[in-house]
Amino acid sequence: MSAFQLVWLRNDLRHYDNAALHAAAQTGLPVVAVFIATPQTWQQHDMAPIKQDLIRRRVGALKQELAALGIPLLALEAGDYRDCAAILQRLAQQGAAGLYAQTEYEQREQQRDLAVKHALEVLGIPCYWSDSQCLMPPGSVRSKTDAIYKIFTPFKKTWLAQLQQKGVQVLGKPLKQQWFQLDESGFTPMHAGDNSSVAWPVAEQHVLEQLRSFCRERVQDYQQARDFPAIDGTSTLSPYLAIGVVSAQQAVARLQTEAGSAMWQEGTGAAVWLSELIWREFYKHILVAYPQLIKHRAFQHDTEAIVWGNNEAWFVAWCEGRTGYPIVDAAMRQLNQTGWMHNRLRMITASFLVKDLQIDWRWGERYFMSKLIDGEFAANNGGWQWAASTGTDAAPYFRIFNPVTQSEKFDPKGIFLKKYLPELAGLTGKQLHWPHPLPMSVQYFRPVVDHAKARLRTLSMFKAARGESVDLLPDEPAQLALGSSDGL
């Protein structure tokens, strides 16, 4: 029986800059890669169907890319995480010298990996985990008192100092090898997806060129353009970062190559985009340091005392994009129709759900995960807790976005609004951003709440949770929840 190295791919679906794949190939033994689809667990994690399809399509593309290097990729189908240990044990029994994989940080993933480690230990096969999901691994960015940062700005400062000191290393693709065939009989091949993500190319070279193009041609405008949803002002790389088609190391290295010193100059487009990458790492560091977050607990414990209104009719109106607030409704329709939402709109819709409708942020967090092609637990949880003023370094509870002024500021000509709200196409100026009272010719929803009144109720709600005295405020009339001028 010939020896080989087994590489278990999860959220590192690439052959460039893949630490586990690189380490296995460096041993000189033939490499065999494996991916195990676990749709039951994905469903338990509220993974969006469009993200599941993106993963399946990407695995198919990666299988061809690795085959060109003589590396077989076994794409297998299982039920849930509990099946992984038995599958990998059966594969390893064919002569594996070791198992290589990238570390994952969430609780269930850690439990799954521990079960795999124990299953292979029985066979005397070691596991090698590459902690390369972040450029700076969780726990490595600490204060002078050796504490975990809870505030982003000092975290970023230390992160940048470490980057300047250590630099960034990007690994090449493995060398071509002789094909090594395993016995695949008895395993279920991975099922094809539904092609719901077909608008997103999955070839690794295409994604890398998208990264190069953005850093070379558009990142300088990122600071000015990123907040306007009608403009192609963002990189739209988040789905690929979420499943590991491109790594954080590659993103930073490419930015440094193309932007040069501008990356270090505060306020430039390159520096602002780098900050967004650091935010992603910050939330992963927080997740590892405070595992209660994976159980959907608020980072700020005192905010668990908030009594949320949780009006189900309002929540459904928010989900379906019929709140009567054009920017909120257009954003939610973008999410529902495409599986993606512009970042500025994520903040606006989250603020509206929590601070206008007084609905528990966890409801929105789960809904976003069930729809987003780029959904990641750490970033999604961090973003929602930021908006809800319950998380680390969160927006102050009294910071409440006005959805109308946000619309006027970031979609001044209504280009984005009209794309997703064709019923408002005949309106112009301020009336487009706030069409109430509705003209007889317009078929659109009345507002579910009055923003000014909702703001006061939210302030009272947070004050009550903090033990401060508050004035009693009247409830919003529930009959407005589904009201529209024409029965839409």
Protein backbone atom coordinates (compact mmCIF):
# COMPACT_ATOMS: atom_id res chain seq x y z
CA MET A 1 0.00 0.00 0.00
CA SER A 2 1.52 3.30 -1.14
CA ALA A 3 1.53 6.27 1.22
CA PHE A 4 -0.15 9.58 0.43
CA GLN A 5 -1.19 12.78 2.17
CA LEU A 6 -4.89 13.58 2.59
CA VAL A 7 -5.97 17.24 2.40
CA TRP A 8 -9.44 18.04 3.72
CA LEU A 9 -10.76 21.20 2.08
CA ARG A 10 -13.50 23.20 3.83
CA ASN A 11 -13.62 27.00 3.57
CA ASP A 12 -10.30 27.21 1.71
CA LEU A 13 -11.51 26.29 -1.77
CA ARG A 14 -8.43 27.36 -3.73
CA HIS A 15 -5.13 25.90 -4.90
CA TYR A 16 -3.09 29.11 -4.71
CA ASP A 17 -2.06 30.19 -1.19
CA ASN A 18 -3.59 27.11 0.43
CA ALA A 19 -1.50 26.41 3.51
CA ALA A 20 -2.83 22.89 4.09
CA LEU A 21 -2.37 21.89 0.46
CA HIS A 22 1.10 23.47 0.39
CA ALA A 23 2.23 21.71 3.58
CA ALA A 24 1.02 18.33 2.34
CA ALA A 25 2.75 18.75 -1.04
CA GLN A 26 6.02 19.77 0.67
CA THR A 27 6.32 16.29 2.20
CA GLY A 28 7.04 14.82 -1.22
CA LEU A 29 4.26 12.24 -0.99
CA PRO A 30 1.34 12.21 -3.43
CA VAL A 31 -1.56 14.41 -2.37
CA VAL A 32 -5.25 13.56 -2.48
CA ALA A 33 -7.81 16.25 -1.64
CA VAL A 34 -11.32 15.67 -0.32
CA PHE A 35 -14.37 17.88 0.16
CA ILE A 36 -17.42 16.67 2.10
CA ALA A 37 -20.74 18.43 1.54
CA THR A 38 -22.89 18.41 4.69
CA PRO A 39 -26.26 19.94 3.70
CA GLN A 40 -28.06 19.00 6.92
CA THR A 41 -25.54 20.92 9.00
CA TRP A 42 -25.56 23.77 6.49
CA GLN A 43 -29.30 23.99 6.95
CA GLN A 44 -28.94 23.96 10.75
CA HIS A 45 -26.51 26.87 10.35
CA ASP A 46 -29.07 28.76 8.22
CA MET A 47 -26.68 28.75 5.27
CA ALA A 48 -28.33 30.42 2.30
CA PRO A 49 -29.21 28.07 -0.56
CA ILE A 50 -27.38 30.41 -2.95
CA LYS A 51 -24.21 30.08 -0.88
CA GLN A 52 -24.59 26.29 -0.85
CA ASP A 53 -24.83 26.38 -4.63
CA LEU A 54 -21.75 28.62 -4.88
CA ILE A 55 -19.79 26.13 -2.79
CA ARG A 56 -20.88 23.18 -4.95
CA ARG A 57 -20.05 25.02 -8.17
CA ARG A 58 -16.70 26.12 -6.78
CA VAL A 59 -15.78 22.58 -5.69
CA GLY A 60 -16.53 21.39 -9.22
CA ALA A 61 -14.23 24.04 -10.67
CA LEU A 62 -11.50 23.31 -8.12
CA LYS A 63 -11.68 19.63 -9.00
CA GLN A 64 -10.68 20.49 -12.56
CA GLU A 65 -7.99 22.95 -11.45
CA LEU A 66 -6.37 20.40 -9.15
CA ALA A 67 -6.66 17.65 -11.76
CA ALA A 68 -4.42 19.74 -14.03
CA LEU A 69 -1.78 19.41 -11.28
CA GLY A 70 -2.28 15.65 -10.96
CA ILE A 71 -4.11 16.04 -7.65
CA PRO A 72 -7.44 14.21 -7.40
CA LEU A 73 -10.25 15.91 -5.49
CA LEU A 74 -12.87 13.58 -4.09
CA ALA A 75 -16.09 15.59 -3.85
CA LEU A 76 -18.35 13.61 -1.53
CA GLU A 77 -21.86 14.01 -0.12
CA ALA A 78 -22.74 13.30 3.51
CA GLY A 79 -25.54 14.25 5.87
CA ASP A 80 -23.99 16.37 8.58
CA TYR A 81 -20.74 16.98 10.42
CA ARG A 82 -21.05 13.74 12.37
CA ASP A 83 -20.42 11.76 9.17
CA CYS A 84 -17.04 13.36 8.48
CA ALA A 85 -14.98 11.30 10.93
CA ALA A 86 -16.11 7.96 9.48
CA ILE A 87 -15.62 9.10 5.88
CA LEU A 88 -12.12 10.42 6.50
CA GLN A 89 -11.17 7.36 8.53
CA ARG A 90 -12.20 5.08 5.62
CA LEU A 91 -10.19 7.15 3.15
CA ALA A 92 -7.17 7.33 5.46
CA GLN A 93 -7.11 3.55 5.83
CA GLN A 94 -5.94 3.34 2.22
CA GLY A 95 -2.49 4.53 3.29
CA ALA A 96 -2.68 8.15 4.45
CA ALA A 97 0.46 9.39 6.18
CA GLY A 98 -1.35 12.44 7.55
CA LEU A 99 -4.41 14.66 7.30
CA TYR A 100 -3.98 18.37 6.51
CA ALA A 101 -6.68 21.01 6.92
CA GLN A 102 -7.22 24.68 7.70
CA THR A 103 -8.38 25.57 11.20
CA GLU A 104 -11.99 26.65 11.59
CA TYR A 105 -13.07 28.65 14.62
CA GLU A 106 -16.77 28.02 15.28
CA GLN A 107 -17.85 25.65 18.05
CA ARG A 108 -19.48 22.91 15.98
CA GLU A 109 -16.59 22.95 13.55
CA GLN A 110 -14.14 22.55 16.42
CA GLN A 111 -16.15 19.60 17.76
CA ARG A 112 -16.23 18.02 14.29
CA ASP A 113 -12.47 18.40 13.88
CA LEU A 114 -11.80 16.92 17.32
CA ALA A 115 -13.90 13.86 16.38
CA VAL A 116 -11.87 13.49 13.16
CA LYS A 117 -8.60 13.81 15.08
CA HIS A 118 -9.65 11.04 17.48
CA ALA A 119 -10.82 8.79 14.61
CA LEU A 120 -7.46 9.07 12.86
CA GLU A 121 -5.46 8.69 16.07
CA VAL A 122 -6.86 5.16 16.27
CA LEU A 123 -5.06 4.47 12.99
CA GLY A 124 -1.88 6.23 14.12
CA ILE A 125 -2.41 9.00 11.56
CA PRO A 126 -1.58 12.56 12.69
CA CYS A 127 -3.60 15.67 11.82
CA TYR A 128 -1.93 18.96 10.88
CA TRP A 129 -4.04 22.11 11.22
CA SER A 130 -3.01 25.32 9.44
CA ASP A 131 -4.26 28.43 11.26
CA SER A 132 -4.32 30.54 8.11
CA GLN A 133 -7.92 31.71 7.87
CA CYS A 134 -6.81 35.10 9.19
CA LEU A 135 -3.67 36.96 8.27
CA MET A 136 -3.10 37.42 12.01
CA PRO A 137 -4.41 34.28 13.77
CA PRO A 138 -6.92 34.82 16.59
CA GLY A 139 -5.18 35.55 19.86
CA SER A 140 -2.06 36.94 18.18
CA VAL A 141 -3.12 40.61 18.26
CA ARG A 142 -2.98 41.66 21.90
CA SER A 143 -2.56 44.79 23.97
CA LYS A 144 0.56 45.70 25.94
CA THR A 145 -1.11 44.10 28.97
CA ASP A 146 -1.60 40.89 26.95
CA ALA A 147 -5.36 41.40 26.74
CA ILE A 148 -7.71 40.76 23.84
CA TYR A 149 -8.85 43.97 22.20
CA LYS A 150 -12.55 44.75 22.50
CA ILE A 151 -12.33 47.99 20.54
CA PHE A 152 -11.54 48.02 16.84
CA THR A 153 -9.29 51.10 16.58
CA PRO A 154 -6.50 49.90 18.93
CA PHE A 155 -6.85 46.39 17.44
CA LYS A 156 -6.33 47.85 13.98
CA LYS A 157 -3.31 49.87 15.11
CA THR A 158 -1.59 46.80 16.55
CA TRP A 159 -2.65 44.65 13.56
CA LEU A 160 -1.06 47.13 11.17
CA ALA A 161 2.12 47.32 13.25
CA GLN A 162 2.42 43.53 13.10
CA LEU A 163 1.81 43.56 9.37
CA GLN A 164 4.63 46.07 8.88
CA GLN A 165 6.91 43.95 11.04
CA LYS A 166 6.06 40.51 9.62
CA GLY A 167 4.92 41.32 6.10
CA VAL A 168 2.56 39.06 4.23
CA GLN A 169 3.44 35.74 2.64
CA VAL A 170 1.44 34.24 -0.22
CA LEU A 171 2.08 30.63 -1.17
CA GLY A 172 2.18 29.41 -4.75
CA LYS A 173 0.23 26.51 -6.16
CA PRO A 174 1.56 22.97 -5.64
CA LEU A 175 3.88 21.42 -8.21
CA LYS A 176 2.43 18.94 -10.64
CA GLN A 177 2.49 15.36 -9.36
CA GLN A 178 1.78 11.86 -10.63
CA TRP A 179 -1.89 10.94 -10.34
CA PHE A 180 -2.65 8.88 -7.23
CA GLN A 181 -5.96 7.04 -7.32
CA LEU A 182 -7.94 6.10 -4.21
CA ASP A 183 -10.79 3.60 -4.10
CA GLU A 184 -13.95 5.72 -4.15
CA SER A 185 -16.42 2.84 -4.14
CA GLY A 186 -18.95 3.04 -1.34
CA PHE A 187 -18.84 6.84 -1.13
CA THR A 188 -21.66 9.11 -2.31
CA PRO A 189 -20.51 11.67 -4.89
CA MET A 190 -21.34 15.30 -4.15
CA HIS A 191 -24.66 16.40 -5.59
CA ALA A 192 -24.85 19.21 -8.11
CA GLY A 193 -26.34 22.52 -7.01
CA ASP A 194 -29.33 24.37 -8.42
CA ASN A 195 -27.29 27.03 -10.29
CA SER A 196 -28.88 29.82 -8.25
CA SER A 197 -25.41 31.39 -7.90
CA VAL A 198 -24.63 31.28 -11.62
CA ALA A 199 -24.19 35.07 -11.75
CA TRP A 200 -21.01 34.62 -9.69
CA PRO A 201 -18.08 33.09 -11.66
CA VAL A 202 -16.21 30.37 -9.75
CA ALA A 203 -12.95 29.93 -11.68
CA GLU A 204 -10.06 30.78 -9.38
CA GLN A 205 -8.20 32.74 -12.06
CA HIS A 206 -11.30 34.87 -12.67
CA VAL A 207 -11.56 35.73 -8.97
CA LEU A 208 -7.86 36.55 -8.74
CA GLU A 209 -8.17 38.83 -11.78
CA GLN A 210 -11.16 40.51 -10.14
CA LEU A 211 -8.98 41.17 -7.09
CA ARG A 212 -6.14 42.52 -9.24
CA SER A 213 -8.47 44.72 -11.27
CA PHE A 214 -10.12 46.22 -8.20
CA CYS A 215 -6.81 46.96 -6.46
CA ARG A 216 -5.29 48.36 -9.63
CA GLU A 217 -8.14 50.41 -11.07
CA ARG A 218 -10.87 51.11 -8.52
CA VAL A 219 -9.59 50.94 -4.96
CA GLN A 220 -8.44 54.58 -5.09
CA ASP A 221 -12.10 55.60 -5.39
CA TYR A 222 -13.33 53.21 -2.71
CA GLN A 223 -13.61 55.80 0.07
CA GLN A 224 -15.84 58.05 -2.06
CA ALA A 225 -17.85 55.37 -3.89
CA ARG A 226 -18.40 52.57 -1.37
CA ASP A 227 -21.52 54.02 0.27
CA PHE A 228 -23.55 54.50 -2.90
CA PRO A 229 -25.50 51.35 -3.83
CA ALA A 230 -26.18 52.53 -7.40
CA ILE A 231 -22.41 52.69 -8.05
CA ASP A 232 -20.10 49.74 -8.66
CA GLY A 233 -17.86 51.03 -5.90
CA THR A 234 -17.04 47.89 -3.89
CA SER A 235 -14.91 44.87 -4.73
CA THR A 236 -17.80 42.33 -4.45
CA LEU A 237 -15.19 39.81 -3.31
CA SER A 238 -16.99 38.96 -0.07
CA PRO A 239 -18.59 35.71 -1.37
CA TYR A 240 -15.17 34.47 -2.42
CA LEU A 241 -13.54 35.45 0.86
CA ALA A 242 -16.37 33.66 2.70
CA ILE A 243 -15.67 30.28 1.08
CA GLY A 244 -11.95 30.78 0.61
CA VAL A 245 -11.61 31.12 -3.16
CA VAL A 246 -9.30 33.99 -2.26
CA SER A 247 -7.48 34.43 1.06
CA ALA A 248 -6.97 37.44 3.30
CA GLN A 249 -3.24 37.09 2.61
CA GLN A 250 -3.81 37.34 -1.14
CA ALA A 251 -6.08 40.36 -0.73
CA VAL A 252 -3.57 42.29 1.38
CA ALA A 253 -0.59 41.29 -0.77
CA ARG A 254 -2.35 42.36 -3.96
CA LEU A 255 -3.44 45.64 -2.38
CA GLN A 256 0.14 46.34 -1.32
CA THR A 257 1.45 45.53 -4.80
CA GLU A 258 -1.04 47.73 -6.63
CA ALA A 259 -1.58 50.60 -4.16
CA GLY A 260 1.90 50.81 -2.66
CA SER A 261 2.35 53.42 0.07
CA ALA A 262 -1.28 54.59 -0.28
CA MET A 263 -2.28 51.51 1.71
CA TRP A 264 -0.67 53.05 4.79
CA GLN A 265 -2.08 56.56 4.34
CA GLU A 266 -5.18 57.10 6.46
CA GLY A 267 -8.21 58.13 4.44
CA THR A 268 -7.14 56.79 1.07
CA GLY A 269 -9.34 54.28 -0.70
CA ALA A 270 -6.68 51.60 -0.25
CA ALA A 271 -6.43 52.24 3.51
CA VAL A 272 -10.22 52.20 3.92
CA TRP A 273 -10.54 48.90 2.03
CA LEU A 274 -7.76 47.46 4.16
CA SER A 275 -9.75 48.53 7.24
CA GLU A 276 -12.68 46.48 5.98
CA LEU A 277 -10.43 43.44 5.74
CA ILE A 278 -9.20 44.11 9.28
CA TRP A 279 -12.82 44.34 10.51
CA ARG A 280 -13.36 40.81 9.18
CA GLU A 281 -10.38 39.59 11.18
CA PHE A 282 -11.41 41.57 14.27
CA TYR A 283 -14.75 39.79 14.44
CA LYS A 284 -13.08 36.38 14.07
CA HIS A 285 -10.70 37.24 16.92
CA ILE A 286 -13.67 38.30 19.05
CA LEU A 287 -15.55 35.09 18.23
CA VAL A 288 -12.67 32.91 19.37
CA ALA A 289 -12.08 34.93 22.55
CA TYR A 290 -15.79 35.06 23.46
CA PRO A 291 -17.36 31.74 22.38
CA GLN A 292 -20.71 32.69 23.96
CA LEU A 293 -21.30 34.68 20.77
CA ILE A 294 -21.74 31.45 18.83
CA LYS A 295 -24.74 30.80 21.09
CA HIS A 296 -26.27 34.11 19.94
CA ARG A 297 -25.62 35.88 23.23
CA ALA A 298 -25.13 39.62 23.28
CA PHE A 299 -21.54 40.74 23.79
CA GLN A 300 -22.74 43.43 26.18
CA HIS A 301 -24.47 41.32 28.81
CA ASP A 302 -26.63 44.12 30.16
CA THR A 303 -28.40 44.45 26.81
CA GLU A 304 -29.92 41.00 27.33
CA ALA A 305 -32.38 42.85 29.59
CA ILE A 306 -33.88 44.70 26.61
CA VAL A 307 -37.52 43.81 26.08
CA TRP A 308 -37.95 43.58 22.32
CA GLY A 309 -41.35 44.22 20.76
CA ASN A 310 -40.94 41.42 18.19
CA ASN A 311 -44.04 42.24 16.15
CA GLU A 312 -44.16 39.31 13.72
CA ALA A 313 -46.21 41.18 11.10
CA TRP A 314 -43.64 43.98 11.04
CA PHE A 315 -40.84 41.44 10.74
CA VAL A 316 -42.51 39.81 7.73
CA ALA A 317 -42.99 43.25 6.16
CA TRP A 318 -39.28 43.94 6.67
CA CYS A 319 -38.26 40.57 5.21
CA GLU A 320 -40.44 41.02 2.15
CA GLY A 321 -39.52 44.65 1.46
CA ARG A 322 -42.87 46.28 2.13
CA THR A 323 -42.27 48.55 5.12
CA GLY A 324 -43.21 51.72 3.25
CA TYR A 325 -39.65 53.05 3.58
CA PRO A 326 -38.21 52.95 0.04
CA ILE A 327 -34.52 52.49 0.88
CA VAL A 328 -35.31 49.64 3.30
CA ASP A 329 -37.67 47.94 0.88
CA ALA A 330 -35.32 48.26 -2.10
CA ALA A 331 -32.44 46.84 -0.05
CA MET A 332 -34.46 43.86 1.16
CA ARG A 333 -35.64 43.15 -2.37
CA GLN A 334 -32.02 43.25 -3.55
CA LEU A 335 -31.18 40.68 -0.89
CA ASN A 336 -34.13 38.43 -1.71
CA GLN A 337 -33.61 38.59 -5.46
CA THR A 338 -29.80 38.39 -5.67
CA GLY A 339 -28.52 36.93 -2.39
CA TRP A 340 -26.31 39.98 -1.86
CA MET A 341 -26.80 43.41 -0.32
CA HIS A 342 -24.67 46.53 -0.47
CA ASN A 343 -22.84 47.18 2.82
CA ARG A 344 -24.38 50.62 3.47
CA LEU A 345 -27.80 49.07 2.99
CA ARG A 346 -26.99 46.30 5.47
CA MET A 347 -26.45 48.97 8.12
CA ILE A 348 -29.62 50.84 7.18
CA THR A 349 -31.86 47.76 7.15
CA ALA A 350 -30.37 46.40 10.37
CA SER A 351 -30.83 49.71 12.15
CA PHE A 352 -34.42 49.89 10.89
CA LEU A 353 -35.30 46.39 12.12
CA VAL A 354 -33.82 46.90 15.56
CA LYS A 355 -34.37 50.59 16.26
CA ASP A 356 -37.48 51.42 14.24
CA LEU A 357 -39.35 48.13 14.59
CA GLN A 358 -37.84 47.13 17.98
CA ILE A 359 -37.28 43.56 16.80
CA ASP A 360 -34.56 41.38 18.33
CA TRP A 361 -31.36 41.63 16.29
CA ARG A 362 -31.12 37.81 16.31
CA TRP A 363 -34.15 37.62 14.03
CA GLY A 364 -32.38 39.76 11.45
CA GLU A 365 -29.07 38.00 11.92
CA ARG A 366 -30.69 34.66 11.11
CA TYR A 367 -32.61 36.03 8.13
CA PHE A 368 -29.48 37.52 6.61
CA MET A 369 -27.62 34.22 7.00
CA SER A 370 -30.49 32.41 5.27
CA LYS A 371 -30.22 34.72 2.24
CA LEU A 372 -26.64 36.01 1.88
CA ILE A 373 -24.27 34.43 -0.61
CA ASP A 374 -21.40 35.85 1.48
CA GLY A 375 -22.80 34.94 4.89
CA GLU A 376 -20.16 34.28 7.55
CA PHE A 377 -21.07 33.85 11.20
CA ALA A 378 -18.43 36.13 12.72
CA ALA A 379 -18.93 39.04 10.32
CA ASN A 380 -22.72 38.71 10.28
CA ASN A 381 -22.99 38.47 14.07
CA GLY A 382 -20.53 41.31 14.55
CA GLY A 383 -22.36 43.54 12.10
CA TRP A 384 -25.77 42.89 13.60
CA GLN A 385 -24.57 43.43 17.17
CA TRP A 386 -22.88 46.64 16.03
CA ALA A 387 -26.13 47.91 14.55
CA ALA A 388 -28.12 46.80 17.59
CA SER A 389 -25.70 48.46 20.05
CA THR A 390 -25.26 45.13 21.85
CA GLY A 391 -21.81 44.12 20.60
CA THR A 392 -18.16 44.96 20.95
CA ASP A 393 -17.31 48.48 19.81
CA ALA A 394 -20.95 48.85 18.79
CA ALA A 395 -22.73 51.98 17.66
CA PRO A 396 -24.08 53.91 20.69
CA TYR A 397 -27.71 52.98 21.37
CA PHE A 398 -28.80 56.54 20.59
CA ARG A 399 -27.30 56.34 17.09
CA ILE A 400 -30.39 55.60 15.02
CA PHE A 401 -30.26 55.90 11.24
CA ASN A 402 -33.00 57.96 9.65
CA PRO A 403 -33.87 55.83 6.60
CA VAL A 404 -35.19 58.80 4.62
CA THR A 405 -32.12 61.01 5.02
CA GLN A 406 -29.88 57.97 4.42
CA SER A 407 -31.74 57.40 1.16
CA GLU A 408 -31.43 61.03 0.10
CA LYS A 409 -27.71 61.07 0.91
CA PHE A 410 -26.60 57.77 -0.61
CA ASP A 411 -29.02 57.36 -3.52
CA PRO A 412 -29.73 61.02 -4.34
CA LYS A 413 -31.05 60.39 -7.85
CA GLY A 414 -33.01 57.32 -6.80
CA ILE A 415 -31.27 55.07 -9.32
CA PHE A 416 -31.06 52.16 -6.89
CA LEU A 417 -34.58 52.75 -5.58
CA LYS A 418 -36.14 52.65 -9.03
CA LYS A 419 -34.27 49.46 -9.92
CA TYR A 420 -35.90 47.51 -7.11
CA LEU A 421 -39.07 49.57 -6.62
CA PRO A 422 -40.47 50.02 -10.12
CA GLU A 423 -43.78 51.12 -8.60
CA LEU A 424 -42.05 54.39 -7.61
CA ALA A 425 -40.45 54.99 -11.02
CA GLY A 426 -42.71 57.95 -11.76
CA LEU A 427 -41.67 59.89 -8.67
CA THR A 428 -38.75 62.32 -8.44
CA GLY A 429 -36.89 64.39 -5.85
CA LYS A 430 -37.75 64.11 -2.19
CA GLN A 431 -41.06 62.40 -2.98
CA LEU A 432 -39.16 59.37 -4.29
CA HIS A 433 -37.38 58.92 -0.95
CA TRP A 434 -40.55 59.57 1.07
CA PRO A 435 -43.68 59.11 -1.09
CA HIS A 436 -46.20 59.62 1.71
CA PRO A 437 -49.02 60.48 1.55
CA LEU A 438 -49.18 58.28 -1.51
CA PRO A 439 -50.38 59.80 -4.76
CA MET A 440 -53.42 58.02 -6.18
CA SER A 441 -51.33 56.78 -9.10
CA VAL A 442 -48.74 55.05 -6.90
CA GLN A 443 -49.22 51.49 -5.69
CA TYR A 444 -46.98 51.19 -2.67
CA PHE A 445 -47.18 50.41 1.05
CA ARG A 446 -47.92 52.86 3.82
CA PRO A 447 -45.14 53.08 6.45
CA VAL A 448 -45.34 50.42 9.14
CA VAL A 449 -44.14 52.89 11.79
CA ASP A 450 -43.47 56.57 12.25
CA HIS A 451 -39.69 56.97 12.45
CA ALA A 452 -39.74 59.86 14.93
CA LYS A 453 -42.01 58.01 17.35
CA ALA A 454 -40.12 54.76 16.87
CA ARG A 455 -36.86 56.50 17.72
CA LEU A 456 -38.27 57.72 21.04
CA ARG A 457 -39.56 54.26 21.91
CA THR A 458 -36.16 52.74 21.18
CA LEU A 459 -34.36 55.26 23.37
CA SER A 460 -36.81 54.46 26.18
CA MET A 461 -36.33 50.72 25.62
CA PHE A 462 -32.55 50.96 26.00
CA LYS A 463 -32.82 53.31 28.98
CA ALA A 464 -35.18 50.88 30.72
CA ALA A 465 -32.72 48.04 30.19
CA ARG A 466 -30.02 50.22 31.77
CA GLY A 467 -32.23 50.91 34.79
CA GLU A 468 -32.83 54.54 33.87
CA SER A 469 -36.21 56.22 34.25
CA VAL A 470 -38.24 56.62 31.07
CA ASP A 471 -41.46 58.27 29.99
CA LEU A 472 -44.26 55.99 28.86
CA LEU A 473 -44.88 56.21 25.13
CA PRO A 474 -47.91 55.06 23.17
CA ASP A 475 -47.62 51.90 21.10
CA GLU A 476 -47.49 52.21 17.33
CA PRO A 477 -50.86 51.30 15.78
CA ALA A 478 -50.46 47.69 14.67
CA GLN A 479 -53.00 48.10 11.88
CA LEU A 480 -50.40 50.02 9.88
CA ALA A 481 -48.27 46.89 9.55
CA LEU A 482 -49.73 45.59 6.31
CA GLY A 483 -51.46 48.75 5.09
CA SER A 484 -51.11 49.87 1.50
CA SER A 485 -53.02 52.27 -0.68
CA ASP A 486 -54.09 49.60 -3.12
CA GLY A 487 -54.01 46.24 -1.33
CA LEU A 488 -50.52 45.29 -2.62
